[in-house]
Amino acid sequence: MNNVLMGAEVIVSILLIVVVVLQSSKSSGMGAVSGAADSSFGGKERGLDGLLSRLTVILGVIFAVLSLVLGAFMHQY
């Protein structure tokens, strides 16, 4: 079971890295407030950016849950 969970976590982590790298930059730098704040704080994103944003959240949650489950299994034995 540990091997299956570790394999799934590796696959999810690679997918998460790929999805984050594919996203376009939304601002010119750290601390810059621009029109991107509208889409970040409740506005609807459309197209590929919206899809990548949703995939990032979904894969992040899956990665966190897998990490917690794997940690519980490792402590059990």
PDB file of N, CA and C in Angstrom:
ATOM      1  N   MET A   1       0.826  -1.204   0.000  1.00  0.00           N
ATOM      2  CA  MET A   1       0.000   0.000   0.000  1.00  0.00           C
ATOM      3  C   MET A   1       0.871   1.270   0.000  1.00  0.00           C
ATOM      4  N   ASN A   2       1.984   1.213   0.751  1.00  0.00           N
ATOM      5  CA  ASN A   2       2.877   2.378   0.783  1.00  0.00           C
ATOM      6  C   ASN A   2       3.429   2.689  -0.600  1.00  0.00           C
ATOM      7  N   ASN A   3       3.775   1.654  -1.360  1.00  0.00           N
ATOM      8  CA  ASN A   3       4.337   1.876  -2.690  1.00  0.00           C
ATOM      9  C   ASN A   3       3.326   2.518  -3.631  1.00  0.00           C
ATOM     10  N   VAL A   4       2.068   2.113  -3.516  1.00  0.00           N
ATOM     11  CA  VAL A   4       1.013   2.691  -4.349  1.00  0.00           C
ATOM     12  C   VAL A   4       0.823   4.173  -4.001  1.00  0.00           C
ATOM     13  N   LEU A   5       0.800   4.477  -2.708  1.00  0.00           N
ATOM     14  CA  LEU A   5       0.624   5.866  -2.288  1.00  0.00           C
ATOM     15  C   LEU A   5       1.822   6.725  -2.690  1.00  0.00           C
ATOM     16  N   MET A   6       3.022   6.167  -2.553  1.00  0.00           N
ATOM     17  CA  MET A   6       4.213   6.920  -2.964  1.00  0.00           C
ATOM     18  C   MET A   6       4.225   7.164  -4.465  1.00  0.00           C
ATOM     19  N   GLY A   7       3.842   6.177  -5.233  1.00  0.00           N
ATOM     20  CA  GLY A   7       3.763   6.355  -6.687  1.00  0.00           C
ATOM     21  C   GLY A   7       2.740   7.402  -7.073  1.00  0.00           C
ATOM     22  N   ALA A   8       1.583   7.360  -6.412  1.00  0.00           N
ATOM     23  CA  ALA A   8       0.541   8.351  -6.697  1.00  0.00           C
ATOM     24  C   ALA A   8       1.007   9.753  -6.320  1.00  0.00           C
ATOM     25  N   GLU A   9       1.741   9.871  -5.208  1.00  0.00           N
ATOM     26  CA  GLU A   9       2.221  11.184  -4.793  1.00  0.00           C
ATOM     27  C   GLU A   9       3.272  11.730  -5.759  1.00  0.00           C
ATOM     28  N   VAL A  10       4.124  10.868  -6.278  1.00  0.00           N
ATOM     29  CA  VAL A  10       5.121  11.301  -7.254  1.00  0.00           C
ATOM     30  C   VAL A  10       4.427  11.795  -8.528  1.00  0.00           C
ATOM     31  N   ILE A  11       3.434  11.052  -8.991  1.00  0.00           N
ATOM     32  CA  ILE A  11       2.711  11.437 -10.209  1.00  0.00           C
ATOM     33  C   ILE A  11       1.992  12.768 -10.008  1.00  0.00           C
ATOM     34  N   VAL A  12       1.307  12.911  -8.862  1.00  0.00           N
ATOM     35  CA  VAL A  12       0.581  14.155  -8.590  1.00  0.00           C
ATOM     36  C   VAL A  12       1.554  15.325  -8.457  1.00  0.00           C
ATOM     37  N   SER A  13       2.691  15.104  -7.822  1.00  0.00           N
ATOM     38  CA  SER A  13       3.650  16.202  -7.661  1.00  0.00           C
ATOM     39  C   SER A  13       4.224  16.644  -9.006  1.00  0.00           C
ATOM     40  N   ILE A  14       4.507  15.697  -9.900  1.00  0.00           N
ATOM     41  CA  ILE A  14       5.002  16.058 -11.229  1.00  0.00           C
ATOM     42  C   ILE A  14       3.939  16.830 -12.006  1.00  0.00           C
ATOM     43  N   LEU A  15       2.689  16.368 -11.933  1.00  0.00           N
ATOM     44  CA  LEU A  15       1.595  17.082 -12.605  1.00  0.00           C
ATOM     45  C   LEU A  15       1.422  18.486 -12.034  1.00  0.00           C
ATOM     46  N   LEU A  16       1.562  18.618 -10.719  1.00  0.00           N
ATOM     47  CA  LEU A  16       1.426  19.930 -10.085  1.00  0.00           C
ATOM     48  C   LEU A  16       2.524  20.874 -10.546  1.00  0.00           C
ATOM     49  N   ILE A  17       3.738  20.376 -10.649  1.00  0.00           N
ATOM     50  CA  ILE A  17       4.847  21.205 -11.139  1.00  0.00           C
ATOM     51  C   ILE A  17       4.583  21.655 -12.576  1.00  0.00           C
ATOM     52  N   VAL A  18       4.129  20.732 -13.419  1.00  0.00           N
ATOM     53  CA  VAL A  18       3.870  21.060 -14.824  1.00  0.00           C
ATOM     54  C   VAL A  18       2.767  22.111 -14.945  1.00  0.00           C
ATOM     55  N   VAL A  19       1.689  21.959 -14.163  1.00  0.00           N
ATOM     56  CA  VAL A  19       0.570  22.901 -14.242  1.00  0.00           C
ATOM     57  C   VAL A  19       0.999  24.286 -13.770  1.00  0.00           C
ATOM     58  N   VAL A  20       1.807  24.358 -12.715  1.00  0.00           N
ATOM     59  CA  VAL A  20       2.255  25.660 -12.218  1.00  0.00           C
ATOM     60  C   VAL A  20       3.187  26.334 -13.228  1.00  0.00           C
ATOM     61  N   VAL A  21       4.066  25.561 -13.848  1.00  0.00           N
ATOM     62  CA  VAL A  21       4.992  26.141 -14.824  1.00  0.00           C
ATOM     63  C   VAL A  21       4.253  26.627 -16.073  1.00  0.00           C
ATOM     64  N   LEU A  22       3.170  25.964 -16.437  1.00  0.00           N
ATOM     65  CA  LEU A  22       2.414  26.363 -17.631  1.00  0.00           C
ATOM     66  C   LEU A  22       1.611  27.647 -17.434  1.00  0.00           C
ATOM     67  N   GLN A  23       1.363  28.047 -16.201  1.00  0.00           N
ATOM     68  CA  GLN A  23       0.556  29.235 -15.960  1.00  0.00           C
ATOM     69  C   GLN A  23       1.305  30.490 -16.379  1.00  0.00           C
ATOM     70  N   SER A  24       0.550  31.449 -16.886  1.00  0.00           N
ATOM     71  CA  SER A  24       1.156  32.719 -17.282  1.00  0.00           C
ATOM     72  C   SER A  24       1.295  33.622 -16.061  1.00  0.00           C
ATOM     73  N   SER A  25       2.265  34.511 -16.111  1.00  0.00           N
ATOM     74  CA  SER A  25       2.489  35.445 -15.026  1.00  0.00           C
ATOM     75  C   SER A  25       1.349  36.456 -14.981  1.00  0.00           C
ATOM     76  N   LYS A  26       0.852  36.743 -13.794  1.00  0.00           N
ATOM     77  CA  LYS A  26      -0.301  37.633 -13.677  1.00  0.00           C
ATOM     78  C   LYS A  26       0.086  39.053 -13.262  1.00  0.00           C
ATOM     79  N   SER A  27       1.325  39.260 -12.826  1.00  0.00           N
ATOM     80  CA  SER A  27       1.731  40.606 -12.434  1.00  0.00           C
ATOM     81  C   SER A  27       3.190  40.820 -12.802  1.00  0.00           C
ATOM     82  N   SER A  28       3.620  42.065 -12.668  1.00  0.00           N
ATOM     83  CA  SER A  28       4.982  42.399 -13.052  1.00  0.00           C
ATOM     84  C   SER A  28       5.996  42.053 -11.972  1.00  0.00           C
ATOM     85  N   GLY A  29       5.548  41.774 -10.765  1.00  0.00           N
ATOM     86  CA  GLY A  29       6.494  41.430  -9.713  1.00  0.00           C
ATOM     87  C   GLY A  29       5.813  41.317  -8.365  1.00  0.00           C
ATOM     88  N   MET A  30       6.622  41.064  -7.358  1.00  0.00           N
ATOM     89  CA  MET A  30       6.101  40.926  -6.004  1.00  0.00           C
ATOM     90  C   MET A  30       5.548  42.266  -5.520  1.00  0.00           C
ATOM     91  N   GLY A  31       4.380  42.243  -4.936  1.00  0.00           N
ATOM     92  CA  GLY A  31       3.801  43.442  -4.375  1.00  0.00           C
ATOM     93  C   GLY A  31       3.116  44.356  -5.366  1.00  0.00           C
ATOM     94  N   ALA A  32       3.171  44.039  -6.630  1.00  0.00           N
ATOM     95  CA  ALA A  32       2.534  44.901  -7.624  1.00  0.00           C
ATOM     96  C   ALA A  32       1.040  44.612  -7.648  1.00  0.00           C
ATOM     97  N   VAL A  33       0.244  45.644  -7.523  1.00  0.00           N
ATOM     98  CA  VAL A  33      -1.210  45.487  -7.569  1.00  0.00           C
ATOM     99  C   VAL A  33      -1.671  45.959  -8.935  1.00  0.00           C
ATOM    100  N   SER A  34      -2.308  45.051  -9.649  1.00  0.00           N
ATOM    101  CA  SER A  34      -2.765  45.405 -10.993  1.00  0.00           C
ATOM    102  C   SER A  34      -4.147  44.819 -11.209  1.00  0.00           C
ATOM    103  N   GLY A  35      -4.559  44.729 -12.437  1.00  0.00           N
ATOM    104  CA  GLY A  35      -5.854  44.167 -12.772  1.00  0.00           C
ATOM    105  C   GLY A  35      -5.959  42.689 -12.471  1.00  0.00           C
ATOM    106  N   ALA A  36      -4.843  42.031 -12.215  1.00  0.00           N
ATOM    107  CA  ALA A  36      -4.868  40.603 -11.894  1.00  0.00           C
ATOM    108  C   ALA A  36      -5.541  40.348 -10.549  1.00  0.00           C
ATOM    109  N   ALA A  37      -5.590  41.349  -9.695  1.00  0.00           N
ATOM    110  CA  ALA A  37      -6.217  41.166  -8.391  1.00  0.00           C
ATOM    111  C   ALA A  37      -7.705  40.876  -8.535  1.00  0.00           C
ATOM    112  N   ASP A  38      -8.332  41.393  -9.579  1.00  0.00           N
ATOM    113  CA  ASP A  38      -9.751  41.128  -9.792  1.00  0.00           C
ATOM    114  C   ASP A  38     -10.006  39.652 -10.020  1.00  0.00           C
ATOM    115  N   SER A  39      -9.161  38.992 -10.809  1.00  0.00           N
ATOM    116  CA  SER A  39      -9.364  37.576 -11.079  1.00  0.00           C
ATOM    117  C   SER A  39      -8.921  36.721  -9.907  1.00  0.00           C
ATOM    118  N   SER A  40      -7.990  37.219  -9.087  1.00  0.00           N
ATOM    119  CA  SER A  40      -7.506  36.436  -7.958  1.00  0.00           C
ATOM    120  C   SER A  40      -8.492  36.444  -6.799  1.00  0.00           C
ATOM    121  N   PHE A  41      -9.208  37.518  -6.640  1.00  0.00           N
ATOM    122  CA  PHE A  41     -10.095  37.652  -5.493  1.00  0.00           C
ATOM    123  C   PHE A  41     -11.558  37.583  -5.881  1.00  0.00           C
ATOM    124  N   GLY A  42     -11.965  36.503  -6.515  1.00  0.00           N
ATOM    125  CA  GLY A  42     -13.375  36.269  -6.756  1.00  0.00           C
ATOM    126  C   GLY A  42     -13.841  36.410  -8.178  1.00  0.00           C
ATOM    127  N   GLY A  43     -13.061  37.002  -9.056  1.00  0.00           N
ATOM    128  CA  GLY A  43     -13.480  37.129 -10.443  1.00  0.00           C
ATOM    129  C   GLY A  43     -13.346  35.805 -11.184  1.00  0.00           C
ATOM    130  N   LYS A  44     -14.088  35.637 -12.228  1.00  0.00           N
ATOM    131  CA  LYS A  44     -14.035  34.402 -13.016  1.00  0.00           C
ATOM    132  C   LYS A  44     -12.943  34.490 -14.066  1.00  0.00           C
ATOM    133  N   GLU A  45     -12.080  33.483 -14.071  1.00  0.00           N
ATOM    134  CA  GLU A  45     -11.072  33.389 -15.120  1.00  0.00           C
ATOM    135  C   GLU A  45     -11.616  32.491 -16.209  1.00  0.00           C
ATOM    136  N   ARG A  46     -11.304  32.815 -17.427  1.00  0.00           N
ATOM    137  CA  ARG A  46     -11.807  32.038 -18.552  1.00  0.00           C
ATOM    138  C   ARG A  46     -10.659  31.465 -19.351  1.00  0.00           C
ATOM    139  N   GLY A  47     -10.956  30.430 -20.064  1.00  0.00           N
ATOM    140  CA  GLY A  47      -9.969  29.857 -20.969  1.00  0.00           C
ATOM    141  C   GLY A  47      -8.946  29.001 -20.256  1.00  0.00           C
ATOM    142  N   LEU A  48      -7.768  28.975 -20.830  1.00  0.00           N
ATOM    143  CA  LEU A  48      -6.697  28.125 -20.340  1.00  0.00           C
ATOM    144  C   LEU A  48      -6.217  28.558 -18.954  1.00  0.00           C
ATOM    145  N   ASP A  49      -6.177  29.863 -18.692  1.00  0.00           N
ATOM    146  CA  ASP A  49      -5.740  30.331 -17.377  1.00  0.00           C
ATOM    147  C   ASP A  49      -6.677  29.864 -16.268  1.00  0.00           C
ATOM    148  N   GLY A  50      -7.963  29.899 -16.527  1.00  0.00           N
ATOM    149  CA  GLY A  50      -8.929  29.427 -15.538  1.00  0.00           C
ATOM    150  C   GLY A  50      -8.801  27.936 -15.286  1.00  0.00           C
ATOM    151  N   LEU A  51      -8.616  27.175 -16.360  1.00  0.00           N
ATOM    152  CA  LEU A  51      -8.453  25.730 -16.233  1.00  0.00           C
ATOM    153  C   LEU A  51      -7.196  25.392 -15.443  1.00  0.00           C
ATOM    154  N   LEU A  52      -6.084  26.052 -15.759  1.00  0.00           N
ATOM    155  CA  LEU A  52      -4.839  25.789 -15.047  1.00  0.00           C
ATOM    156  C   LEU A  52      -4.932  26.202 -13.579  1.00  0.00           C
ATOM    157  N   SER A  53      -5.645  27.268 -13.311  1.00  0.00           N
ATOM    158  CA  SER A  53      -5.827  27.711 -11.933  1.00  0.00           C
ATOM    159  C   SER A  53      -6.624  26.686 -11.125  1.00  0.00           C
ATOM    160  N   ARG A  54      -7.712  26.187 -11.716  1.00  0.00           N
ATOM    161  CA  ARG A  54      -8.512  25.163 -11.030  1.00  0.00           C
ATOM    162  C   ARG A  54      -7.727  23.876 -10.844  1.00  0.00           C
ATOM    163  N   LEU A  55      -6.958  23.475 -11.870  1.00  0.00           N
ATOM    164  CA  LEU A  55      -6.144  22.266 -11.764  1.00  0.00           C
ATOM    165  C   LEU A  55      -5.089  22.398 -10.676  1.00  0.00           C
ATOM    166  N   THR A  56      -4.535  23.583 -10.513  1.00  0.00           N
ATOM    167  CA  THR A  56      -3.544  23.808  -9.466  1.00  0.00           C
ATOM    168  C   THR A  56      -4.155  23.584  -8.086  1.00  0.00           C
ATOM    169  N   VAL A  57      -5.333  24.116  -7.875  1.00  0.00           N
ATOM    170  CA  VAL A  57      -5.997  23.951  -6.585  1.00  0.00           C
ATOM    171  C   VAL A  57      -6.346  22.483  -6.344  1.00  0.00           C
ATOM    172  N   ILE A  58      -6.910  21.824  -7.344  1.00  0.00           N
ATOM    173  CA  ILE A  58      -7.316  20.421  -7.204  1.00  0.00           C
ATOM    174  C   ILE A  58      -6.102  19.538  -6.937  1.00  0.00           C
ATOM    175  N   LEU A  59      -5.040  19.707  -7.722  1.00  0.00           N
ATOM    176  CA  LEU A  59      -3.841  18.889  -7.528  1.00  0.00           C
ATOM    177  C   LEU A  59      -3.165  19.196  -6.198  1.00  0.00           C
ATOM    178  N   GLY A  60      -3.223  20.437  -5.751  1.00  0.00           N
ATOM    179  CA  GLY A  60      -2.666  20.789  -4.445  1.00  0.00           C
ATOM    180  C   GLY A  60      -3.396  20.101  -3.309  1.00  0.00           C
ATOM    181  N   VAL A  61      -4.714  20.064  -3.390  1.00  0.00           N
ATOM    182  CA  VAL A  61      -5.510  19.390  -2.362  1.00  0.00           C
ATOM    183  C   VAL A  61      -5.237  17.886  -2.385  1.00  0.00           C
ATOM    184  N   ILE A  62      -5.194  17.296  -3.578  1.00  0.00           N
ATOM    185  CA  ILE A  62      -4.905  15.864  -3.689  1.00  0.00           C
ATOM    186  C   ILE A  62      -3.523  15.563  -3.118  1.00  0.00           C
ATOM    187  N   PHE A  63      -2.529  16.408  -3.427  1.00  0.00           N
ATOM    188  CA  PHE A  63      -1.176  16.207  -2.916  1.00  0.00           C
ATOM    189  C   PHE A  63      -1.153  16.279  -1.388  1.00  0.00           C
ATOM    190  N   ALA A  64      -1.866  17.243  -0.812  1.00  0.00           N
ATOM    191  CA  ALA A  64      -1.895  17.385   0.647  1.00  0.00           C
ATOM    192  C   ALA A  64      -2.553  16.173   1.312  1.00  0.00           C
ATOM    193  N   VAL A  65      -3.659  15.713   0.749  1.00  0.00           N
ATOM    194  CA  VAL A  65      -4.351  14.550   1.320  1.00  0.00           C
ATOM    195  C   VAL A  65      -3.481  13.299   1.210  1.00  0.00           C
ATOM    196  N   LEU A  66      -2.859  13.106   0.050  1.00  0.00           N
ATOM    197  CA  LEU A  66      -1.971  11.957  -0.112  1.00  0.00           C
ATOM    198  C   LEU A  66      -0.803  12.015   0.870  1.00  0.00           C
ATOM    199  N   SER A  67      -0.260  13.186   1.106  1.00  0.00           N
ATOM    200  CA  SER A  67       0.842  13.330   2.051  1.00  0.00           C
ATOM    201  C   SER A  67       0.407  12.973   3.468  1.00  0.00           C
ATOM    202  N   LEU A  68      -0.773  13.428   3.860  1.00  0.00           N
ATOM    203  CA  LEU A  68      -1.279  13.103   5.189  1.00  0.00           C
ATOM    204  C   LEU A  68      -1.543  11.611   5.348  1.00  0.00           C
ATOM    205  N   VAL A  69      -2.157  11.006   4.348  1.00  0.00           N
ATOM    206  CA  VAL A  69      -2.446   9.564   4.399  1.00  0.00           C
ATOM    207  C   VAL A  69      -1.153   8.770   4.414  1.00  0.00           C
ATOM    208  N   LEU A  70      -0.197   9.151   3.593  1.00  0.00           N
ATOM    209  CA  LEU A  70       1.081   8.455   3.545  1.00  0.00           C
ATOM    210  C   LEU A  70       1.824   8.616   4.871  1.00  0.00           C
ATOM    211  N   GLY A  71       1.776   9.780   5.454  1.00  0.00           N
ATOM    212  CA  GLY A  71       2.388   9.988   6.757  1.00  0.00           C
ATOM    213  C   GLY A  71       1.755   9.137   7.841  1.00  0.00           C
ATOM    214  N   ALA A  72       0.432   8.994   7.794  1.00  0.00           N
ATOM    215  CA  ALA A  72      -0.260   8.133   8.758  1.00  0.00           C
ATOM    216  C   ALA A  72       0.137   6.669   8.572  1.00  0.00           C
ATOM    217  N   PHE A  73       0.257   6.221   7.348  1.00  0.00           N
ATOM    218  CA  PHE A  73       0.662   4.831   7.091  1.00  0.00           C
ATOM    219  C   PHE A  73       2.110   4.590   7.504  1.00  0.00           C
ATOM    220  N   MET A  74       2.982   5.564   7.324  1.00  0.00           N
ATOM    221  CA  MET A  74       4.385   5.395   7.690  1.00  0.00           C
ATOM    222  C   MET A  74       4.544   5.339   9.220  1.00  0.00           C
ATOM    223  N   HIS A  75       3.741   6.103   9.936  1.00  0.00           N
ATOM    224  CA  HIS A  75       3.811   6.089  11.395  1.00  0.00           C
ATOM    225  C   HIS A  75       3.211   4.812  11.983  1.00  0.00           C
ATOM    226  N   GLN A  76       2.313   4.208  11.239  1.00  0.00           N
ATOM    227  CA  GLN A  76       1.602   3.032  11.733  1.00  0.00           C
ATOM    228  C   GLN A  76       2.523   1.829  11.836  1.00  0.00           C
ATOM    229  N   TYR A  77       3.495   1.722  10.963  1.00  0.00           N
ATOM    230  CA  TYR A  77       4.347   0.529  10.954  1.00  0.00           C
ATOM    231  C   TYR A  77       5.649   0.864  11.536  1.00  0.00           C
TER     232      TYR A  77
END
